[in-house]
Amino acid sequence: MKNTFIAGIVMVVLGAALLGYGYFNYTTTEQVLKIGPIVATAEKEHTVSFPPILGWLLVGGGICVLIFGAGSRKN
């Protein structure tokens, strides 16, 4: 029962975070030019975005897990 409660809370928190933020950025370093011992690099920023439906599904699923987890505790 306790694991169900924790899983439900985690799902709701992750869903709310996805709805609030929606994307994250990360940076990679790429080699652009190499002439002998001289190397030129460039940093490239990448953006990964999440669809809002994913956040809503996590929130709804977490609420369902909490409701059904509480219902099974009473029986």
C-alpha atoms as a PDB file:
ATOM      1  CA  MET A   1       0.000   0.000   0.000  1.00  0.00           C
ATOM      2  CA  LYS A   2       2.774   2.408   0.897  1.00  0.00           C
ATOM      3  CA  ASN A   3       4.573   1.744  -2.412  1.00  0.00           C
ATOM      4  CA  THR A   4       1.370   2.540  -4.293  1.00  0.00           C
ATOM      5  CA  PHE A   5       1.028   5.830  -2.436  1.00  0.00           C
ATOM      6  CA  ILE A   6       4.649   6.797  -3.197  1.00  0.00           C
ATOM      7  CA  ALA A   7       4.283   5.846  -6.877  1.00  0.00           C
ATOM      8  CA  GLY A   8       1.117   7.948  -7.152  1.00  0.00           C
ATOM      9  CA  ILE A   9       2.777  10.984  -5.576  1.00  0.00           C
ATOM     10  CA  VAL A  10       5.838  10.635  -7.831  1.00  0.00           C
ATOM     11  CA  MET A  11       3.625  10.438 -10.917  1.00  0.00           C
ATOM     12  CA  VAL A  12       1.670  13.547  -9.932  1.00  0.00           C
ATOM     13  CA  VAL A  13       4.853  15.526  -9.162  1.00  0.00           C
ATOM     14  CA  LEU A  14       6.526  14.499 -12.442  1.00  0.00           C
ATOM     15  CA  GLY A  15       3.394  15.333 -14.418  1.00  0.00           C
ATOM     16  CA  ALA A  16       3.119  18.759 -12.788  1.00  0.00           C
ATOM     17  CA  ALA A  17       6.802  19.414 -13.483  1.00  0.00           C
ATOM     18  CA  LEU A  18       6.346  18.495 -17.149  1.00  0.00           C
ATOM     19  CA  LEU A  19       3.319  20.769 -17.421  1.00  0.00           C
ATOM     20  CA  GLY A  20       5.158  23.632 -15.739  1.00  0.00           C
ATOM     21  CA  TYR A  21       8.484  23.377 -17.526  1.00  0.00           C
ATOM     22  CA  GLY A  22       7.826  21.343 -20.681  1.00  0.00           C
ATOM     23  CA  TYR A  23      11.364  21.106 -22.052  1.00  0.00           C
ATOM     24  CA  PHE A  24      15.027  20.894 -21.127  1.00  0.00           C
ATOM     25  CA  ASN A  25      18.247  21.979 -22.813  1.00  0.00           C
ATOM     26  CA  TYR A  26      21.633  20.351 -22.967  1.00  0.00           C
ATOM     27  CA  THR A  27      24.902  21.355 -24.609  1.00  0.00           C
ATOM     28  CA  THR A  28      27.344  19.220 -26.577  1.00  0.00           C
ATOM     29  CA  THR A  29      30.826  20.064 -27.785  1.00  0.00           C
ATOM     30  CA  GLU A  30      31.591  19.223 -31.403  1.00  0.00           C
ATOM     31  CA  GLN A  31      34.892  19.297 -33.248  1.00  0.00           C
ATOM     32  CA  VAL A  32      34.592  21.759 -36.109  1.00  0.00           C
ATOM     33  CA  LEU A  33      38.125  21.959 -37.498  1.00  0.00           C
ATOM     34  CA  LYS A  34      41.360  20.052 -37.046  1.00  0.00           C
ATOM     35  CA  ILE A  35      44.581  21.136 -38.713  1.00  0.00           C
ATOM     36  CA  GLY A  36      47.551  19.269 -37.320  1.00  0.00           C
ATOM     37  CA  PRO A  37      47.742  19.901 -33.570  1.00  0.00           C
ATOM     38  CA  ILE A  38      45.226  22.780 -33.758  1.00  0.00           C
ATOM     39  CA  VAL A  39      41.633  21.824 -32.954  1.00  0.00           C
ATOM     40  CA  ALA A  40      38.606  24.118 -33.076  1.00  0.00           C
ATOM     41  CA  THR A  41      35.446  23.135 -31.242  1.00  0.00           C
ATOM     42  CA  ALA A  42      31.970  24.590 -31.000  1.00  0.00           C
ATOM     43  CA  GLU A  43      29.263  24.180 -28.401  1.00  0.00           C
ATOM     44  CA  LYS A  44      25.836  23.283 -29.736  1.00  0.00           C
ATOM     45  CA  GLU A  45      22.691  23.612 -27.667  1.00  0.00           C
ATOM     46  CA  HIS A  46      19.940  21.031 -28.050  1.00  0.00           C
ATOM     47  CA  THR A  47      16.355  21.339 -26.824  1.00  0.00           C
ATOM     48  CA  VAL A  48      14.124  18.394 -25.964  1.00  0.00           C
ATOM     49  CA  SER A  49      10.456  19.268 -25.513  1.00  0.00           C
ATOM     50  CA  PHE A  50       7.693  17.127 -24.074  1.00  0.00           C
ATOM     51  CA  PRO A  51       4.085  17.208 -25.265  1.00  0.00           C
ATOM     52  CA  PRO A  52       1.622  18.567 -22.670  1.00  0.00           C
ATOM     53  CA  ILE A  53      -0.524  15.435 -22.978  1.00  0.00           C
ATOM     54  CA  LEU A  54       2.304  13.481 -21.331  1.00  0.00           C
ATOM     55  CA  GLY A  55       2.121  15.716 -18.272  1.00  0.00           C
ATOM     56  CA  TRP A  56      -1.671  15.421 -18.099  1.00  0.00           C
ATOM     57  CA  LEU A  57      -1.462  11.636 -18.424  1.00  0.00           C
ATOM     58  CA  LEU A  58       1.042  11.440 -15.581  1.00  0.00           C
ATOM     59  CA  VAL A  59      -1.078  13.670 -13.332  1.00  0.00           C
ATOM     60  CA  GLY A  60      -4.276  11.748 -14.126  1.00  0.00           C
ATOM     61  CA  GLY A  61      -2.592   8.383 -13.767  1.00  0.00           C
ATOM     62  CA  GLY A  62      -1.045   9.402 -10.451  1.00  0.00           C
ATOM     63  CA  ILE A  63      -4.408  10.528  -9.119  1.00  0.00           C
ATOM     64  CA  CYS A  64      -5.961   7.216 -10.220  1.00  0.00           C
ATOM     65  CA  VAL A  65      -3.175   5.277  -8.516  1.00  0.00           C
ATOM     66  CA  LEU A  66      -3.738   7.262  -5.308  1.00  0.00           C
ATOM     67  CA  ILE A  67      -7.513   6.710  -5.412  1.00  0.00           C
ATOM     68  CA  PHE A  68      -7.312   2.994  -6.164  1.00  0.00           C
ATOM     69  CA  GLY A  69      -4.484   2.530  -3.670  1.00  0.00           C
ATOM     70  CA  ALA A  70      -6.556   4.162  -0.929  1.00  0.00           C
ATOM     71  CA  GLY A  71      -9.579   2.054  -1.914  1.00  0.00           C
ATOM     72  CA  SER A  72      -7.649  -1.195  -1.711  1.00  0.00           C
ATOM     73  CA  ARG A  73      -6.312  -0.257   1.731  1.00  0.00           C
ATOM     74  CA  LYS A  74      -9.837  -0.136   3.171  1.00  0.00           C
ATOM     75  CA  ASN A  75     -10.668  -3.685   2.039  1.00  0.00           C
END
